[in-house]
Protein backbone atom coordinates (compact mmCIF):
# COMPACT_ATOMS: atom_id res chain seq x y z
CA UNK A 1 -31.54 -23.88 -71.53
CA UNK A 2 -28.51 -25.35 -69.74
CA UNK A 3 -29.23 -28.47 -67.67
CA UNK A 4 -26.58 -29.43 -65.10
CA UNK A 5 -26.70 -32.80 -63.42
CA UNK A 6 -24.44 -33.89 -60.52
CA UNK A 7 -23.79 -37.62 -60.15
CA UNK A 8 -21.66 -39.69 -57.79
CA UNK A 9 -18.86 -41.80 -59.24
CA UNK A 10 -19.72 -44.62 -61.57
CA UNK A 11 -17.19 -47.00 -63.17
CA UNK A 12 -15.91 -45.50 -66.38
CA UNK A 13 -16.13 -41.85 -65.35
CA UNK A 14 -12.37 -41.71 -64.78
CA UNK A 15 -11.47 -41.74 -68.48
CA UNK A 16 -13.48 -38.60 -69.14
CA UNK A 17 -12.27 -37.09 -65.86
CA UNK A 18 -8.65 -37.34 -67.11
CA UNK A 19 -9.51 -35.72 -70.44
CA UNK A 20 -11.50 -32.88 -68.95
CA UNK A 21 -9.01 -32.39 -66.12
CA UNK A 22 -6.08 -31.99 -68.49
CA UNK A 23 -8.02 -29.38 -70.44
CA UNK A 24 -8.71 -27.44 -67.23
CA UNK A 25 -5.12 -27.36 -65.96
CA UNK A 26 -3.20 -26.94 -69.21
CA UNK A 27 -2.40 -23.26 -68.62
CA UNK A 28 -1.70 -23.45 -64.89
CA UNK A 29 1.81 -22.44 -63.81
CA UNK A 30 2.03 -25.84 -62.10
CA UNK A 31 -0.49 -28.24 -63.75
CA UNK A 32 -1.37 -31.17 -61.56
CA UNK A 33 -3.91 -33.85 -62.30
CA UNK A 34 -4.30 -37.55 -61.46
CA UNK A 35 -3.55 -39.86 -64.32
CA UNK A 36 -5.87 -42.72 -65.25
CA UNK A 37 -3.96 -45.35 -63.28
CA UNK A 38 -4.02 -43.23 -60.16
CA UNK A 39 -7.73 -42.60 -60.41
CA UNK A 40 -8.46 -46.29 -60.88
CA UNK A 41 -6.45 -47.00 -57.74
CA UNK A 42 -8.37 -44.40 -55.76
CA UNK A 43 -11.79 -45.56 -57.00
CA UNK A 44 -11.07 -49.27 -56.42
CA UNK A 45 -9.85 -48.81 -52.83
CA UNK A 46 -11.82 -50.78 -50.23
CA UNK A 47 -12.74 -47.65 -48.23
CA UNK A 48 -13.70 -45.54 -51.26
CA UNK A 49 -17.19 -43.99 -50.98
CA UNK A 50 -18.67 -43.20 -54.43
CA UNK A 51 -20.73 -40.38 -52.90
CA UNK A 52 -17.50 -38.44 -52.10
CA UNK A 53 -16.48 -38.26 -55.79
CA UNK A 54 -18.88 -36.10 -57.73
CA UNK A 55 -19.19 -35.30 -61.39
CA UNK A 56 -21.15 -32.52 -63.05
CA UNK A 57 -22.60 -32.93 -66.52
CA UNK A 58 -24.02 -30.22 -68.79
CA UNK A 59 -26.41 -31.50 -71.45
CA UNK A 60 -24.86 -34.92 -70.97
CA UNK A 61 -21.19 -33.95 -71.17
CA UNK A 62 -18.77 -33.82 -68.23
CA UNK A 63 -17.79 -30.24 -67.36
CA UNK A 64 -16.44 -30.58 -63.81
CA UNK A 65 -15.74 -32.77 -60.81
CA UNK A 66 -14.75 -32.71 -57.17
CA UNK A 67 -13.87 -35.19 -54.46
CA UNK A 68 -13.22 -35.49 -50.74
CA UNK A 69 -11.40 -37.85 -48.40
CA UNK A 70 -12.29 -38.44 -44.78
CA UNK A 71 -10.07 -39.52 -41.89
CA UNK A 72 -6.46 -40.42 -41.26
CA UNK A 73 -5.13 -40.12 -44.81
CA UNK A 74 -7.16 -37.02 -45.64
CA UNK A 75 -4.52 -34.34 -44.92
CA UNK A 76 -3.96 -31.68 -47.57
CA UNK A 77 -0.22 -31.99 -46.78
CA UNK A 78 0.80 -35.01 -44.68
CA UNK A 79 -1.56 -37.07 -42.52
CA UNK A 80 -5.06 -36.04 -41.53
CA UNK A 81 -5.42 -33.04 -39.24
CA UNK A 82 -7.29 -33.34 -35.97
CA UNK A 83 -9.40 -30.72 -34.23
CA UNK A 84 -10.41 -31.55 -30.68
CA UNK A 85 -9.39 -35.16 -31.25
CA UNK A 86 -11.56 -35.47 -34.36
CA UNK A 87 -10.35 -36.06 -37.91
CA UNK A 88 -11.77 -33.94 -40.68
CA UNK A 89 -11.92 -34.26 -44.44
CA UNK A 90 -9.87 -32.83 -47.25
CA UNK A 91 -11.65 -31.42 -50.27
CA UNK A 92 -10.27 -31.24 -53.80
CA UNK A 93 -12.01 -28.09 -54.99
CA UNK A 94 -14.32 -28.35 -57.95
CA UNK A 95 -12.48 -28.12 -61.25
CA UNK A 96 -14.74 -27.00 -64.06
CA UNK A 97 -14.32 -26.06 -67.67
CA UNK A 98 -14.52 -22.34 -68.46
CA UNK A 99 -17.96 -20.66 -68.33
CA UNK A 100 -19.35 -23.23 -65.93
CA UNK A 101 -19.24 -21.35 -62.63
CA UNK A 102 -22.70 -22.68 -61.79
CA UNK A 103 -21.31 -26.21 -61.91
CA UNK A 104 -18.70 -25.30 -59.33
CA UNK A 105 -21.38 -24.10 -56.96
CA UNK A 106 -23.53 -27.19 -57.50
CA UNK A 107 -20.57 -29.46 -56.79
CA UNK A 108 -19.64 -27.51 -53.65
CA UNK A 109 -23.19 -27.64 -52.32
CA UNK A 110 -23.49 -31.35 -52.92
CA UNK A 111 -20.09 -32.38 -51.51
CA UNK A 112 -20.57 -30.31 -48.36
CA UNK A 113 -23.93 -31.92 -47.77
CA UNK A 114 -22.39 -35.37 -48.26
CA UNK A 115 -19.70 -34.59 -45.66
CA UNK A 116 -22.27 -33.26 -43.26
CA UNK A 117 -24.23 -36.50 -43.60
CA UNK A 118 -21.02 -38.39 -42.67
CA UNK A 119 -20.71 -36.28 -39.50
CA UNK A 120 -17.45 -34.70 -40.63
CA UNK A 121 -16.56 -31.89 -38.16
CA UNK A 122 -14.52 -29.75 -40.54
CA UNK A 123 -13.11 -29.56 -44.08
CA UNK A 124 -9.71 -28.43 -45.35
CA UNK A 125 -8.96 -27.54 -48.92
CA UNK A 126 -6.34 -25.67 -50.94
CA UNK A 127 -7.00 -22.77 -53.22
CA UNK A 128 -4.63 -21.02 -55.60
CA UNK A 129 -4.66 -18.00 -57.81
CA UNK A 130 -3.57 -20.23 -60.70
CA UNK A 131 -6.85 -22.15 -60.34
CA UNK A 132 -9.39 -19.61 -61.68
CA UNK A 133 -11.96 -18.46 -59.22
CA UNK A 134 -10.90 -20.95 -56.53
CA UNK A 135 -10.09 -18.35 -53.84
CA UNK A 136 -13.37 -16.55 -54.53
CA UNK A 137 -15.19 -19.93 -54.38
CA UNK A 138 -13.88 -20.96 -50.97
CA UNK A 139 -14.65 -17.59 -49.46
CA UNK A 140 -18.13 -17.67 -50.95
CA UNK A 141 -18.67 -20.99 -49.17
CA UNK A 142 -17.47 -19.72 -45.79
CA UNK A 143 -13.97 -21.22 -45.78
CA UNK A 144 -11.38 -19.26 -43.77
CA UNK A 145 -7.65 -19.09 -44.45
CA UNK A 146 -5.71 -21.49 -42.24
CA UNK A 147 -2.01 -21.05 -41.36
CA UNK A 148 -0.85 -24.29 -39.69
CA UNK A 149 2.65 -25.12 -41.01
CA UNK A 150 3.40 -26.87 -43.34
CA UNK A 151 -0.03 -26.20 -44.62
CA UNK A 152 -0.58 -22.48 -44.43
CA UNK A 153 0.39 -20.18 -47.19
CA UNK A 154 2.93 -20.23 -50.00
CA UNK A 155 4.01 -18.35 -53.12
CA UNK A 156 5.05 -19.66 -56.49
CA UNK A 157 8.06 -17.95 -58.06
CA UNK A 158 9.38 -18.90 -61.47
CA UNK A 159 12.49 -18.18 -63.46
CA UNK A 160 12.31 -17.96 -67.28
CA UNK A 161 15.23 -20.12 -68.29
CA UNK A 162 15.90 -18.27 -71.51
CA UNK A 163 17.32 -15.51 -69.32
CA UNK A 164 20.37 -17.74 -68.95
CA UNK A 165 22.52 -18.80 -66.05
CA UNK A 166 23.16 -16.53 -63.08
CA UNK A 167 26.71 -15.19 -62.71
CA UNK A 168 27.41 -16.20 -59.13
CA UNK A 169 30.10 -18.29 -57.49
CA UNK A 170 29.03 -21.73 -56.33
CA UNK A 171 31.49 -23.08 -53.73
CA UNK A 172 29.51 -25.21 -51.35
CA UNK A 173 26.97 -27.22 -53.41
CA UNK A 174 27.49 -30.95 -53.76
CA UNK A 175 25.55 -33.69 -55.51
CA UNK A 176 23.49 -35.83 -53.16
CA UNK A 177 25.35 -39.02 -52.05
CA UNK A 178 23.06 -41.61 -50.52
CA UNK A 179 25.84 -43.21 -48.52
CA UNK A 180 26.62 -39.94 -46.78
CA UNK A 181 23.51 -37.74 -47.00
CA UNK A 182 20.44 -40.01 -46.78
CA UNK A 183 19.94 -40.00 -43.00
CA UNK A 184 20.21 -36.19 -42.60
CA UNK A 185 18.12 -35.48 -45.71
CA UNK A 186 15.44 -37.92 -44.52
CA UNK A 187 15.12 -35.92 -41.28
CA UNK A 188 14.63 -32.77 -43.32
CA UNK A 189 11.96 -34.33 -45.52
CA UNK A 190 10.29 -36.07 -42.61
CA UNK A 191 10.02 -32.84 -40.63
CA UNK A 192 8.56 -30.90 -43.54
CA UNK A 193 6.08 -33.38 -44.90
CA UNK A 194 5.16 -34.89 -41.54
CA UNK A 195 6.08 -38.44 -42.47
CA UNK A 196 8.20 -41.08 -40.84
CA UNK A 197 11.95 -41.01 -41.45
CA UNK A 198 11.69 -44.47 -43.00
CA UNK A 199 9.07 -43.26 -45.52
CA UNK A 200 11.15 -40.18 -46.19
CA UNK A 201 14.23 -42.37 -46.96
CA UNK A 202 12.16 -44.49 -49.35
CA UNK A 203 10.86 -41.40 -51.15
CA UNK A 204 14.32 -39.86 -51.46
CA UNK A 205 15.84 -43.05 -52.85
CA UNK A 206 13.01 -43.37 -55.34
CA UNK A 207 13.51 -39.75 -56.45
CA UNK A 208 17.28 -40.19 -56.71
CA UNK A 209 16.79 -43.15 -59.10
CA UNK A 210 14.24 -41.36 -61.28
CA UNK A 211 15.07 -40.87 -64.94
CA UNK A 212 13.43 -37.43 -64.72
CA UNK A 213 15.61 -36.10 -61.91
CA UNK A 214 17.11 -32.75 -62.81
CA UNK A 215 19.02 -31.78 -59.58
CA UNK A 216 19.59 -33.46 -56.24
CA UNK A 217 21.87 -31.23 -54.19
CA UNK A 218 23.15 -30.74 -50.66
CA UNK A 219 25.26 -28.20 -48.80
CA UNK A 220 27.24 -29.25 -45.76
CA UNK A 221 29.29 -27.18 -43.39
CA UNK A 222 31.50 -28.92 -40.82
CA UNK A 223 29.50 -32.12 -41.45
CA UNK A 224 26.13 -30.50 -40.79
CA UNK A 225 23.40 -30.36 -43.48
CA UNK A 226 22.83 -26.66 -44.28
CA UNK A 227 20.94 -26.96 -47.57
CA UNK A 228 19.04 -29.56 -49.52
CA UNK A 229 16.86 -29.72 -52.60
CA UNK A 230 15.59 -32.04 -55.30
CA UNK A 231 14.10 -30.85 -58.61
CA UNK A 232 12.05 -32.64 -61.24
CA UNK A 233 9.87 -31.68 -64.23
CA UNK A 234 6.09 -31.64 -64.15
CA UNK A 235 4.65 -34.97 -65.22
CA UNK A 236 2.15 -33.07 -67.44
CA UNK A 237 4.50 -30.51 -68.98
CA UNK A 238 8.24 -31.28 -69.16
CA UNK A 239 8.96 -27.63 -69.98
CA UNK A 240 8.15 -26.74 -66.34
CA UNK A 241 10.74 -27.86 -63.75
CA UNK A 242 10.11 -27.40 -60.08
CA UNK A 243 11.55 -27.85 -56.61
CA UNK A 244 9.82 -30.68 -54.79
CA UNK A 245 11.79 -29.87 -51.64
CA UNK A 246 14.05 -26.93 -50.88
CA UNK A 247 15.59 -25.68 -47.68
CA UNK A 248 18.61 -23.62 -46.74
CA UNK A 249 19.90 -22.41 -43.42
CA UNK A 250 20.81 -18.89 -44.74
CA UNK A 251 20.47 -16.64 -47.76
CA UNK A 252 23.90 -17.46 -49.21
CA UNK A 253 23.27 -21.18 -49.28
CA UNK A 254 19.80 -20.62 -50.82
CA UNK A 255 21.31 -18.56 -53.60
CA UNK A 256 23.95 -21.21 -54.34
CA UNK A 257 21.35 -23.93 -54.59
CA UNK A 258 19.15 -21.83 -56.92
CA UNK A 259 22.08 -20.87 -59.16
CA UNK A 260 23.11 -24.51 -59.56
CA UNK A 261 19.57 -25.70 -60.20
CA UNK A 262 19.04 -23.00 -62.88
CA UNK A 263 22.21 -24.20 -64.64
CA UNK A 264 20.98 -27.80 -64.48
CA UNK A 265 17.55 -26.83 -65.83
CA UNK A 266 19.08 -25.01 -68.76
CA UNK A 267 21.17 -28.05 -69.59
CA UNK A 268 17.92 -30.08 -69.73
CA UNK A 269 16.37 -27.44 -72.01
CA UNK A 270 13.50 -26.61 -69.73
CA UNK A 271 11.57 -23.35 -70.18
CA UNK A 272 10.59 -22.43 -66.64
CA UNK A 273 11.94 -23.17 -63.17
CA UNK A 274 9.25 -23.03 -60.50
CA UNK A 275 9.85 -22.74 -56.75
CA UNK A 276 7.41 -23.29 -53.88
CA UNK A 277 8.20 -20.49 -51.41
CA UNK A 278 6.68 -21.70 -48.16
CA UNK A 279 7.43 -21.81 -44.45
CA UNK A 280 10.95 -20.62 -43.63
CA UNK A 281 11.54 -19.74 -47.29
CA UNK A 282 9.00 -16.93 -47.18
CA UNK A 283 11.45 -14.63 -45.43
CA UNK A 284 13.62 -14.84 -48.54
CA UNK A 285 10.99 -13.76 -51.08
CA UNK A 286 12.95 -10.60 -51.86
CA UNK A 287 15.98 -12.78 -52.67
CA UNK A 288 14.05 -14.53 -55.38
CA UNK A 289 12.98 -11.22 -56.95
CA UNK A 290 16.59 -9.97 -56.93
CA UNK A 291 17.75 -13.13 -58.71
CA UNK A 292 15.24 -12.52 -61.51
CA UNK A 293 12.37 -14.75 -60.41
CA UNK A 294 8.78 -13.55 -60.90
CA UNK A 295 5.95 -14.19 -58.48
CA UNK A 296 3.35 -16.04 -60.51
CA UNK A 297 0.78 -17.49 -58.08
CA UNK A 298 -0.25 -17.86 -54.45
CA UNK A 299 -1.47 -20.99 -52.70
CA UNK A 300 -3.24 -21.36 -49.34
CA UNK A 301 -5.05 -23.76 -47.10
CA UNK A 302 -8.64 -22.92 -46.22
CA UNK A 303 -10.86 -24.53 -43.61
CA UNK A 304 -14.53 -24.64 -42.85
CA UNK A 305 -16.28 -25.99 -39.75
CA UNK A 306 -19.36 -28.15 -40.27
CA UNK A 307 -20.36 -28.10 -36.59
CA UNK A 308 -23.06 -25.52 -36.14
């Protein structure tokens, strides 16, 4: 007989959470998981509520976990979202080891009840086809797809780098120059991620100084910023390189940025180049296919009201 037990956070759980989490995400097209230092920071914060970080054990061994954040900093992308003047919560969907679907349901039931007891009016979460059963799970628990930009819906396309460089002329792409490009690029990042321009500038400068940076590119026409991107590898799998921000004012500029980034990725001996196709980029999804990219996953924001 399998015995599952759900517990709130206790000091020391984070070490096993990292181990189990890495096992869960190792085959995702974009593996993401908090490291130990990050988890310790989260769990030691003054406003951390242990009841909002739940862990499921099977016969004494950790098999899954989930967590939620309430209030201003609880946005899935950017700051917390308000409905009728009220802030909701963001839920990190249960992650469970294979063959533990029951654990996912137990964690969902418990975390929803915790949020109800805190008088949270609604929950937002993100689900993706790369996270097994996550889309089915949110629908089972009465979450509905939500399309507020920049939340909404996106696709993951990737390019297998062993295909080689693309034979296309690049005439407008330049390397990012902080003395000339920082202000305009900060506006781009601020608008997309819903942060202040000052925070965007700090983030851009930090990225630009990163040892892991693969590409940091701009396109200008008559002094106006027409394209911008920065690209780095996954912190969990250096073979996977991805855009962390990408925008272009037209198809031609998008192609030029992608062609240059692919060349840069090949020089760094990566295996896959992954692109988030979201917002204005969705209208170009056929362009990615024509360039040899494959659609490998979807990603969406889902929301559930707790006010009945």
